[in-house]
């Protein structure tokens, strides 16, 4: 069951706002009791020639895999703003849960699309808390955000290669776009 079914972006420029201000947390997260969680936000600018159907297929497969993983709470796929920016996030019980799910085959396969689908992206890690009866608070998790430009994610994707036998064959095939000449 989705713990945040009413959560939504607050405006068309949500992708450029801090996570705490970008969504209707006060109204959309009322079902979260007191506790602590780990949030991974993915801010991106899509490539001009992005294959939206392919991106959606890989994203949905990774989402379903994550949703079946221990510690998963919520995934919000943010809409693409008029300027091409987007922010999506996944909320987990713990950082260990998030890291374990990030190594699963369909997530690894989705990560392999980064160079092909995005001009740039940034990963943000947040510690989310709620005291009994209080609002949610968001603090940077004690690790650095990871920002990548076009071609900068190749090492990230390569470190997460999955065996071909574990990949969902119903997904569109991957293609490799050469890195821009320097």
N, C-alpha and C. Protein backbone atom coordinates (compact mmCIF):
# COMPACT_ATOMS: atom_id res chain seq x y z
N UNK A 1 0.84 -1.19 0.00
CA UNK A 1 0.00 0.00 0.00
C UNK A 1 0.88 1.24 0.00
N UNK A 2 0.52 2.22 -0.79
CA UNK A 2 1.29 3.46 -0.92
C UNK A 2 1.02 4.36 0.28
N UNK A 3 2.08 4.74 0.98
CA UNK A 3 1.95 5.57 2.18
C UNK A 3 1.73 7.04 1.85
N UNK A 4 1.95 7.44 0.59
CA UNK A 4 1.84 8.86 0.22
C UNK A 4 1.02 9.06 -1.05
N UNK A 5 -0.21 8.56 -1.09
CA UNK A 5 -0.99 8.61 -2.34
C UNK A 5 -1.38 10.03 -2.77
N UNK A 6 -1.38 11.00 -1.86
CA UNK A 6 -1.81 12.36 -2.21
C UNK A 6 -0.64 13.32 -2.43
N UNK A 7 0.58 12.81 -2.34
CA UNK A 7 1.75 13.67 -2.49
C UNK A 7 1.91 14.07 -3.95
N UNK A 8 2.17 15.38 -4.19
CA UNK A 8 2.30 15.89 -5.54
C UNK A 8 3.19 17.14 -5.55
N UNK A 9 3.77 17.47 -6.71
CA UNK A 9 4.53 18.72 -6.82
C UNK A 9 3.63 19.92 -6.54
N UNK A 10 4.24 20.99 -5.98
CA UNK A 10 3.46 22.18 -5.61
C UNK A 10 3.30 23.17 -6.75
N UNK A 11 4.20 23.11 -7.75
CA UNK A 11 4.11 24.06 -8.87
C UNK A 11 4.91 23.53 -10.05
N UNK A 12 4.84 24.24 -11.15
CA UNK A 12 5.57 23.86 -12.35
C UNK A 12 7.07 23.97 -12.21
N UNK A 13 7.54 24.75 -11.24
CA UNK A 13 8.99 24.88 -11.05
C UNK A 13 9.48 24.04 -9.87
N UNK A 14 8.70 23.04 -9.48
CA UNK A 14 9.03 22.20 -8.33
C UNK A 14 10.43 21.60 -8.43
N UNK A 15 10.88 21.26 -9.64
CA UNK A 15 12.15 20.54 -9.82
C UNK A 15 13.35 21.38 -9.43
N UNK A 16 13.17 22.69 -9.30
CA UNK A 16 14.28 23.55 -8.91
C UNK A 16 14.21 23.96 -7.44
N UNK A 17 13.18 23.53 -6.75
CA UNK A 17 13.00 23.87 -5.33
C UNK A 17 13.66 22.81 -4.44
N UNK A 18 13.98 23.18 -3.20
CA UNK A 18 14.43 22.15 -2.25
C UNK A 18 13.32 21.10 -2.08
N UNK A 19 13.70 19.86 -1.84
CA UNK A 19 12.74 18.77 -1.70
C UNK A 19 11.65 19.11 -0.68
N UNK A 20 12.03 19.72 0.43
CA UNK A 20 11.06 20.05 1.48
C UNK A 20 10.00 21.04 1.01
N UNK A 21 10.31 21.84 0.00
CA UNK A 21 9.37 22.84 -0.51
C UNK A 21 8.71 22.44 -1.83
N UNK A 22 9.22 21.42 -2.48
CA UNK A 22 8.78 21.06 -3.83
C UNK A 22 7.47 20.28 -3.88
N UNK A 23 7.08 19.68 -2.76
CA UNK A 23 5.90 18.83 -2.73
C UNK A 23 4.97 19.23 -1.59
N UNK A 24 3.73 18.83 -1.67
CA UNK A 24 2.72 19.16 -0.66
C UNK A 24 2.82 18.22 0.54
N UNK A 25 3.96 18.24 1.22
CA UNK A 25 4.22 17.33 2.33
C UNK A 25 3.18 17.44 3.44
N UNK A 26 2.76 18.63 3.78
CA UNK A 26 1.82 18.80 4.90
C UNK A 26 0.51 18.08 4.64
N UNK A 27 0.02 18.11 3.41
CA UNK A 27 -1.23 17.44 3.06
C UNK A 27 -1.01 16.02 2.53
N UNK A 28 0.10 15.82 1.83
CA UNK A 28 0.32 14.56 1.12
C UNK A 28 0.99 13.47 1.93
N UNK A 29 1.55 13.81 3.10
CA UNK A 29 2.26 12.81 3.89
C UNK A 29 1.64 12.59 5.27
N UNK A 30 0.35 12.85 5.38
CA UNK A 30 -0.31 12.71 6.68
C UNK A 30 -0.34 11.27 7.18
N UNK A 31 -0.19 10.29 6.29
CA UNK A 31 -0.23 8.89 6.70
C UNK A 31 1.10 8.39 7.27
N UNK A 32 2.14 9.22 7.19
CA UNK A 32 3.43 8.84 7.79
C UNK A 32 3.40 9.18 9.27
N UNK A 33 3.58 8.20 10.11
CA UNK A 33 3.65 8.42 11.55
C UNK A 33 5.02 8.98 11.91
N UNK A 34 5.27 9.13 13.18
CA UNK A 34 6.59 9.55 13.64
C UNK A 34 7.62 8.51 13.21
N UNK A 35 8.79 8.99 12.84
CA UNK A 35 9.84 8.07 12.43
C UNK A 35 10.96 8.77 11.71
N UNK A 36 11.87 7.96 11.15
CA UNK A 36 13.00 8.44 10.37
C UNK A 36 13.09 7.61 9.11
N UNK A 37 13.45 8.29 7.99
CA UNK A 37 13.52 7.63 6.69
C UNK A 37 14.69 8.17 5.91
N UNK A 38 14.93 7.54 4.78
CA UNK A 38 16.02 7.91 3.87
C UNK A 38 15.40 8.20 2.52
N UNK A 39 15.70 9.37 1.96
CA UNK A 39 15.12 9.79 0.69
C UNK A 39 16.24 10.02 -0.31
N UNK A 40 16.08 9.48 -1.52
CA UNK A 40 17.00 9.71 -2.62
C UNK A 40 16.23 10.47 -3.68
N UNK A 41 16.67 11.71 -3.94
CA UNK A 41 16.04 12.54 -4.98
C UNK A 41 16.92 12.52 -6.23
N UNK A 42 16.28 12.40 -7.37
CA UNK A 42 16.95 12.37 -8.67
C UNK A 42 16.46 13.59 -9.45
N UNK A 43 17.31 14.61 -9.55
CA UNK A 43 16.99 15.81 -10.33
C UNK A 43 17.68 15.65 -11.68
N UNK A 44 16.95 15.97 -12.74
CA UNK A 44 17.53 15.72 -14.06
C UNK A 44 17.09 16.75 -15.08
N UNK A 45 17.87 16.80 -16.15
CA UNK A 45 17.51 17.51 -17.37
C UNK A 45 17.63 16.46 -18.47
N UNK A 46 16.52 16.18 -19.12
CA UNK A 46 16.52 15.15 -20.15
C UNK A 46 17.19 15.65 -21.42
N UNK A 47 17.77 14.72 -22.16
CA UNK A 47 18.36 15.02 -23.45
C UNK A 47 17.25 15.44 -24.42
N UNK A 48 17.59 16.26 -25.38
CA UNK A 48 16.60 16.73 -26.35
C UNK A 48 15.98 15.58 -27.13
N UNK A 49 16.75 14.56 -27.44
CA UNK A 49 16.27 13.46 -28.27
C UNK A 49 15.88 12.22 -27.45
N UNK A 50 15.47 12.44 -26.19
CA UNK A 50 15.14 11.33 -25.31
C UNK A 50 13.99 10.49 -25.88
N UNK A 51 14.12 9.20 -25.75
CA UNK A 51 13.06 8.26 -26.13
C UNK A 51 12.18 8.07 -24.90
N UNK A 52 11.10 8.85 -24.82
CA UNK A 52 10.24 8.84 -23.62
C UNK A 52 9.63 7.47 -23.35
N UNK A 53 9.24 6.75 -24.39
CA UNK A 53 8.64 5.43 -24.19
C UNK A 53 9.65 4.46 -23.58
N UNK A 54 10.87 4.49 -24.07
CA UNK A 54 11.92 3.63 -23.54
C UNK A 54 12.23 4.01 -22.09
N UNK A 55 12.38 5.31 -21.84
CA UNK A 55 12.66 5.78 -20.49
C UNK A 55 11.54 5.36 -19.53
N UNK A 56 10.30 5.54 -19.95
CA UNK A 56 9.16 5.14 -19.11
C UNK A 56 9.16 3.63 -18.82
N UNK A 57 9.48 2.83 -19.83
CA UNK A 57 9.48 1.37 -19.65
C UNK A 57 10.54 0.95 -18.62
N UNK A 58 11.74 1.50 -18.73
CA UNK A 58 12.80 1.16 -17.79
C UNK A 58 12.49 1.68 -16.39
N UNK A 59 11.95 2.90 -16.33
CA UNK A 59 11.61 3.50 -15.04
C UNK A 59 10.53 2.67 -14.34
N UNK A 60 9.52 2.28 -15.08
CA UNK A 60 8.43 1.50 -14.46
C UNK A 60 8.92 0.14 -14.00
N UNK A 61 9.78 -0.50 -14.78
CA UNK A 61 10.32 -1.79 -14.36
C UNK A 61 11.14 -1.65 -13.08
N UNK A 62 11.98 -0.62 -13.02
CA UNK A 62 12.79 -0.38 -11.81
C UNK A 62 11.89 -0.03 -10.63
N UNK A 63 10.83 0.73 -10.89
CA UNK A 63 9.88 1.08 -9.82
C UNK A 63 9.22 -0.16 -9.24
N UNK A 64 8.76 -1.05 -10.09
CA UNK A 64 8.10 -2.27 -9.62
C UNK A 64 9.07 -3.15 -8.83
N UNK A 65 10.32 -3.21 -9.28
CA UNK A 65 11.33 -3.97 -8.57
C UNK A 65 11.57 -3.35 -7.19
N UNK A 66 11.67 -2.03 -7.14
CA UNK A 66 11.89 -1.33 -5.86
C UNK A 66 10.71 -1.54 -4.93
N UNK A 67 9.50 -1.42 -5.46
CA UNK A 67 8.29 -1.53 -4.63
C UNK A 67 8.19 -2.90 -3.97
N UNK A 68 8.80 -3.91 -4.56
CA UNK A 68 8.78 -5.26 -3.99
C UNK A 68 9.96 -5.49 -3.04
N UNK A 69 10.78 -4.48 -2.84
CA UNK A 69 11.98 -4.61 -2.02
C UNK A 69 11.70 -4.24 -0.56
N UNK A 70 12.41 -4.87 0.36
CA UNK A 70 12.26 -4.51 1.78
C UNK A 70 12.60 -3.04 2.01
N UNK A 71 11.81 -2.38 2.82
CA UNK A 71 12.06 -0.99 3.20
C UNK A 71 11.51 0.05 2.27
N UNK A 72 10.94 -0.35 1.14
CA UNK A 72 10.38 0.63 0.19
C UNK A 72 9.14 1.28 0.80
N UNK A 73 9.06 2.60 0.67
CA UNK A 73 7.88 3.33 1.15
C UNK A 73 7.13 3.99 0.01
N UNK A 74 7.85 4.75 -0.83
CA UNK A 74 7.15 5.51 -1.88
C UNK A 74 8.12 5.91 -2.98
N UNK A 75 7.61 5.91 -4.21
CA UNK A 75 8.32 6.46 -5.36
C UNK A 75 7.43 7.51 -5.98
N UNK A 76 7.97 8.68 -6.22
CA UNK A 76 7.24 9.73 -6.93
C UNK A 76 8.01 10.07 -8.18
N UNK A 77 7.39 9.80 -9.32
CA UNK A 77 7.98 10.16 -10.61
C UNK A 77 7.46 11.54 -10.95
N UNK A 78 8.33 12.51 -10.82
CA UNK A 78 7.93 13.88 -11.08
C UNK A 78 7.69 14.12 -12.56
N UNK A 79 6.79 15.04 -12.87
CA UNK A 79 6.55 15.37 -14.27
C UNK A 79 7.68 16.22 -14.83
N UNK A 80 7.89 16.13 -16.11
CA UNK A 80 8.89 16.95 -16.79
C UNK A 80 8.34 18.37 -16.89
N UNK A 81 9.11 19.32 -16.38
CA UNK A 81 8.69 20.72 -16.43
C UNK A 81 8.90 21.29 -17.83
N UNK A 82 8.33 22.45 -18.09
CA UNK A 82 8.43 23.08 -19.40
C UNK A 82 9.89 23.31 -19.81
N UNK A 83 10.76 23.56 -18.83
CA UNK A 83 12.17 23.80 -19.15
C UNK A 83 12.98 22.50 -19.25
N UNK A 84 12.33 21.35 -19.17
CA UNK A 84 13.00 20.07 -19.31
C UNK A 84 13.51 19.48 -18.01
N UNK A 85 13.40 20.22 -16.91
CA UNK A 85 13.87 19.70 -15.62
C UNK A 85 12.82 18.76 -15.03
N UNK A 86 13.29 17.90 -14.16
CA UNK A 86 12.41 16.94 -13.51
C UNK A 86 13.04 16.55 -12.18
N UNK A 87 12.20 16.20 -11.22
CA UNK A 87 12.70 15.62 -9.98
C UNK A 87 11.80 14.45 -9.59
N UNK A 88 12.42 13.34 -9.35
CA UNK A 88 11.74 12.15 -8.84
C UNK A 88 12.44 11.77 -7.55
N UNK A 89 11.76 10.99 -6.73
CA UNK A 89 12.43 10.53 -5.51
C UNK A 89 11.87 9.20 -5.07
N UNK A 90 12.67 8.53 -4.23
CA UNK A 90 12.26 7.29 -3.62
C UNK A 90 12.50 7.42 -2.12
N UNK A 91 11.50 7.06 -1.33
CA UNK A 91 11.58 7.12 0.12
C UNK A 91 11.70 5.69 0.66
N UNK A 92 12.68 5.50 1.55
CA UNK A 92 12.99 4.18 2.10
C UNK A 92 12.99 4.22 3.61
N UNK A 93 12.82 3.06 4.22
CA UNK A 93 12.94 2.95 5.67
C UNK A 93 14.35 3.32 6.10
N UNK A 94 15.35 2.80 5.39
CA UNK A 94 16.75 3.03 5.76
C UNK A 94 17.61 3.19 4.51
N UNK A 95 18.80 3.75 4.73
CA UNK A 95 19.77 3.86 3.65
C UNK A 95 20.18 2.47 3.16
N UNK A 96 20.35 1.54 4.08
CA UNK A 96 20.72 0.16 3.69
C UNK A 96 19.69 -0.45 2.76
N UNK A 97 18.40 -0.20 3.02
CA UNK A 97 17.35 -0.70 2.13
C UNK A 97 17.49 -0.11 0.73
N UNK A 98 17.74 1.20 0.66
CA UNK A 98 17.89 1.88 -0.62
C UNK A 98 19.09 1.34 -1.38
N UNK A 99 20.19 1.18 -0.69
CA UNK A 99 21.41 0.70 -1.34
C UNK A 99 21.24 -0.73 -1.84
N UNK A 100 20.56 -1.56 -1.08
CA UNK A 100 20.33 -2.94 -1.52
C UNK A 100 19.47 -2.96 -2.79
N UNK A 101 18.43 -2.13 -2.83
CA UNK A 101 17.56 -2.09 -4.00
C UNK A 101 18.29 -1.50 -5.22
N UNK A 102 19.20 -0.57 -4.99
CA UNK A 102 19.95 0.04 -6.10
C UNK A 102 20.81 -0.97 -6.84
N UNK A 103 21.15 -2.07 -6.21
CA UNK A 103 21.95 -3.09 -6.85
C UNK A 103 21.15 -4.16 -7.56
N UNK A 104 19.84 -4.06 -7.53
CA UNK A 104 19.00 -5.05 -8.18
C UNK A 104 19.03 -4.87 -9.70
N UNK A 105 18.81 -5.93 -10.46
CA UNK A 105 19.01 -5.91 -11.91
C UNK A 105 18.24 -4.84 -12.69
N UNK A 106 16.98 -4.63 -12.38
CA UNK A 106 16.21 -3.67 -13.18
C UNK A 106 16.61 -2.23 -12.88
N UNK A 107 17.02 -1.96 -11.65
CA UNK A 107 17.54 -0.63 -11.33
C UNK A 107 18.88 -0.42 -12.04
N UNK A 108 19.73 -1.42 -12.00
CA UNK A 108 21.02 -1.32 -12.69
C UNK A 108 20.80 -1.08 -14.17
N UNK A 109 19.83 -1.76 -14.73
CA UNK A 109 19.53 -1.59 -16.17
C UNK A 109 19.04 -0.17 -16.43
N UNK A 110 18.19 0.37 -15.56
CA UNK A 110 17.71 1.74 -15.73
C UNK A 110 18.87 2.73 -15.61
N UNK A 111 19.77 2.51 -14.67
CA UNK A 111 20.94 3.38 -14.50
C UNK A 111 21.80 3.38 -15.77
N UNK A 112 21.82 2.29 -16.47
CA UNK A 112 22.64 2.21 -17.68
C UNK A 112 22.15 3.16 -18.78
N UNK A 113 20.96 3.72 -18.62
CA UNK A 113 20.41 4.66 -19.61
C UNK A 113 20.82 6.11 -19.35
N UNK A 114 21.50 6.38 -18.26
CA UNK A 114 21.77 7.76 -17.86
C UNK A 114 22.42 8.59 -18.97
N UNK A 115 23.49 8.11 -19.57
CA UNK A 115 24.16 8.88 -20.62
C UNK A 115 23.28 9.07 -21.85
N UNK A 116 22.47 8.08 -22.14
CA UNK A 116 21.61 8.13 -23.32
C UNK A 116 20.42 9.07 -23.15
N UNK A 117 19.88 9.17 -21.95
CA UNK A 117 18.62 9.86 -21.74
C UNK A 117 18.72 11.26 -21.11
N UNK A 118 19.85 11.58 -20.48
CA UNK A 118 19.94 12.82 -19.70
C UNK A 118 21.12 13.67 -20.12
N UNK A 119 20.88 14.97 -20.15
CA UNK A 119 21.98 15.93 -20.32
C UNK A 119 22.75 16.05 -19.02
N UNK A 120 22.03 16.03 -17.90
CA UNK A 120 22.67 16.10 -16.59
C UNK A 120 21.70 15.56 -15.54
N UNK A 121 22.27 15.21 -14.40
CA UNK A 121 21.43 14.80 -13.27
C UNK A 121 22.22 14.96 -11.98
N UNK A 122 21.48 15.06 -10.90
CA UNK A 122 22.05 15.17 -9.57
C UNK A 122 21.28 14.23 -8.65
N UNK A 123 22.02 13.51 -7.83
CA UNK A 123 21.41 12.68 -6.79
C UNK A 123 21.58 13.40 -5.47
N UNK A 124 20.49 13.49 -4.72
CA UNK A 124 20.51 14.09 -3.39
C UNK A 124 20.05 13.05 -2.39
N UNK A 125 20.68 13.05 -1.23
CA UNK A 125 20.37 12.08 -0.19
C UNK A 125 19.92 12.85 1.04
N UNK A 126 18.73 12.53 1.52
CA UNK A 126 18.16 13.27 2.65
C UNK A 126 17.72 12.34 3.77
N UNK A 127 17.92 12.82 4.98
CA UNK A 127 17.41 12.15 6.17
C UNK A 127 16.09 12.86 6.50
N UNK A 128 15.00 12.12 6.48
CA UNK A 128 13.67 12.67 6.72
C UNK A 128 13.21 12.18 8.09
N UNK A 129 12.66 13.11 8.89
CA UNK A 129 12.21 12.76 10.24
C UNK A 129 10.85 13.38 10.51
N UNK A 130 10.16 12.75 11.43
CA UNK A 130 8.92 13.33 11.96
C UNK A 130 8.82 12.94 13.42
N UNK A 131 8.71 13.95 14.27
CA UNK A 131 8.42 13.72 15.69
C UNK A 131 6.91 13.54 15.82
N UNK A 132 6.45 12.87 16.82
CA UNK A 132 5.02 12.65 17.03
C UNK A 132 4.27 13.97 16.95
N UNK A 133 3.30 14.04 16.05
CA UNK A 133 2.47 15.23 15.89
C UNK A 133 3.13 16.40 15.18
N UNK A 134 4.37 16.24 14.76
CA UNK A 134 5.09 17.35 14.14
C UNK A 134 5.17 17.25 12.63
N UNK A 135 5.77 18.26 12.01
CA UNK A 135 5.95 18.25 10.55
C UNK A 135 7.15 17.37 10.17
N UNK A 136 7.23 17.05 8.92
CA UNK A 136 8.42 16.36 8.42
C UNK A 136 9.58 17.35 8.38
N UNK A 137 10.77 16.87 8.69
CA UNK A 137 11.97 17.69 8.54
C UNK A 137 12.91 16.97 7.57
N UNK A 138 13.66 17.74 6.83
CA UNK A 138 14.56 17.22 5.81
C UNK A 138 15.96 17.77 6.06
N UNK A 139 16.92 16.88 6.19
CA UNK A 139 18.30 17.28 6.38
C UNK A 139 19.16 16.50 5.41
N UNK A 140 20.21 17.14 4.89
CA UNK A 140 21.12 16.39 4.01
C UNK A 140 21.68 15.19 4.75
N UNK A 141 21.67 14.05 4.09
CA UNK A 141 22.30 12.87 4.66
C UNK A 141 23.80 13.11 4.61
N UNK A 142 24.55 12.64 5.58
CA UNK A 142 25.98 12.95 5.62
C UNK A 142 26.79 12.27 4.52
N UNK A 143 26.47 12.61 3.29
CA UNK A 143 27.22 12.19 2.12
C UNK A 143 27.03 13.28 1.09
N UNK A 144 27.91 13.39 0.15
CA UNK A 144 27.83 14.46 -0.85
C UNK A 144 26.82 14.12 -1.92
N UNK A 145 26.13 15.15 -2.48
CA UNK A 145 25.30 14.89 -3.65
C UNK A 145 26.20 14.52 -4.82
N UNK A 146 25.69 13.79 -5.75
CA UNK A 146 26.44 13.40 -6.93
C UNK A 146 25.81 14.07 -8.14
N UNK A 147 26.58 14.90 -8.82
CA UNK A 147 26.10 15.59 -10.01
C UNK A 147 26.91 15.11 -11.21
N UNK A 148 26.23 14.91 -12.31
CA UNK A 148 26.87 14.42 -13.51
C UNK A 148 26.35 15.18 -14.70
N UNK A 149 27.24 15.51 -15.60
CA UNK A 149 26.85 16.10 -16.88
C UNK A 149 26.86 15.01 -17.93
N UNK A 150 26.62 15.43 -19.13
CA UNK A 150 26.57 14.49 -20.25
C UNK A 150 27.88 13.72 -20.31
N UNK A 151 27.79 12.41 -20.28
CA UNK A 151 28.97 11.56 -20.33
C UNK A 151 29.58 11.28 -18.97
N UNK A 152 29.12 11.96 -17.91
CA UNK A 152 29.73 11.81 -16.60
C UNK A 152 29.25 10.62 -15.81
N UNK A 153 28.23 9.96 -16.27
CA UNK A 153 27.68 8.85 -15.51
C UNK A 153 28.22 7.51 -15.96
N UNK A 154 29.06 7.50 -16.96
CA UNK A 154 29.52 6.23 -17.52
C UNK A 154 30.15 5.34 -16.46
N UNK A 155 30.99 5.90 -15.62
CA UNK A 155 31.62 5.11 -14.57
C UNK A 155 30.59 4.59 -13.59
N UNK A 156 29.59 5.40 -13.27
CA UNK A 156 28.54 4.99 -12.34
C UNK A 156 27.80 3.78 -12.91
N UNK A 157 27.41 3.86 -14.17
CA UNK A 157 26.66 2.76 -14.78
C UNK A 157 27.54 1.52 -14.90
N UNK A 158 28.80 1.72 -15.25
CA UNK A 158 29.68 0.57 -15.44
C UNK A 158 29.89 -0.18 -14.14
N UNK A 159 29.90 0.49 -13.02
CA UNK A 159 30.10 -0.17 -11.73
C UNK A 159 28.89 -1.01 -11.33
N UNK A 160 27.79 -0.84 -12.01
CA UNK A 160 26.57 -1.54 -11.64
C UNK A 160 26.06 -2.47 -12.73
N UNK A 161 26.97 -3.02 -13.50
CA UNK A 161 26.56 -3.93 -14.56
C UNK A 161 25.90 -5.17 -13.96
N UNK A 162 24.83 -5.58 -14.56
CA UNK A 162 24.13 -6.78 -14.10
C UNK A 162 24.31 -7.89 -15.13
N UNK A 163 24.28 -9.13 -14.71
CA UNK A 163 24.37 -10.21 -15.67
C UNK A 163 23.18 -10.17 -16.62
N UNK A 164 23.42 -10.40 -17.89
CA UNK A 164 22.36 -10.32 -18.90
C UNK A 164 21.21 -11.27 -18.58
N UNK A 165 21.49 -12.41 -17.99
CA UNK A 165 20.43 -13.38 -17.71
C UNK A 165 19.41 -12.86 -16.72
N UNK A 166 19.76 -11.85 -15.92
CA UNK A 166 18.83 -11.37 -14.91
C UNK A 166 18.00 -10.17 -15.39
N UNK A 167 18.16 -9.78 -16.64
CA UNK A 167 17.49 -8.61 -17.17
C UNK A 167 16.15 -9.00 -17.79
N UNK A 168 15.15 -8.17 -17.56
CA UNK A 168 13.81 -8.37 -18.11
C UNK A 168 13.86 -8.20 -19.62
N UNK A 169 13.66 -9.25 -20.37
CA UNK A 169 13.77 -9.19 -21.83
C UNK A 169 12.61 -8.45 -22.48
N UNK A 170 11.58 -8.07 -21.74
CA UNK A 170 10.47 -7.32 -22.32
C UNK A 170 10.81 -5.84 -22.46
N UNK A 171 11.93 -5.40 -21.87
CA UNK A 171 12.33 -4.00 -21.97
C UNK A 171 12.95 -3.74 -23.32
N UNK A 172 12.82 -2.51 -23.84
CA UNK A 172 13.47 -2.18 -25.10
C UNK A 172 14.98 -2.35 -24.98
N UNK A 173 15.67 -2.65 -26.10
CA UNK A 173 17.12 -2.84 -26.02
C UNK A 173 17.83 -1.54 -25.69
N UNK A 174 19.00 -1.69 -25.09
CA UNK A 174 19.84 -0.54 -24.78
C UNK A 174 20.59 -0.12 -26.04
N UNK A 175 20.89 1.14 -26.15
CA UNK A 175 21.80 1.60 -27.19
C UNK A 175 22.81 2.51 -26.51
N UNK A 176 23.97 2.61 -27.10
CA UNK A 176 25.02 3.43 -26.52
C UNK A 176 25.25 4.62 -27.42
N UNK A 177 25.17 5.80 -26.85
CA UNK A 177 25.44 7.02 -27.60
C UNK A 177 26.87 7.42 -27.28
N UNK A 178 27.70 7.69 -28.31
CA UNK A 178 29.09 8.06 -28.02
C UNK A 178 29.16 9.35 -27.23
N UNK A 179 30.20 9.44 -26.41
CA UNK A 179 30.42 10.66 -25.64
C UNK A 179 30.76 11.79 -26.60
N UNK A 180 30.33 13.03 -26.27
CA UNK A 180 30.63 14.14 -27.14
C UNK A 180 32.14 14.37 -27.23
N UNK A 181 32.59 14.81 -28.40
CA UNK A 181 34.01 15.10 -28.59
C UNK A 181 34.41 16.28 -27.73
N UNK A 182 35.61 16.21 -27.15
CA UNK A 182 36.04 17.32 -26.30
C UNK A 182 36.90 18.28 -27.07
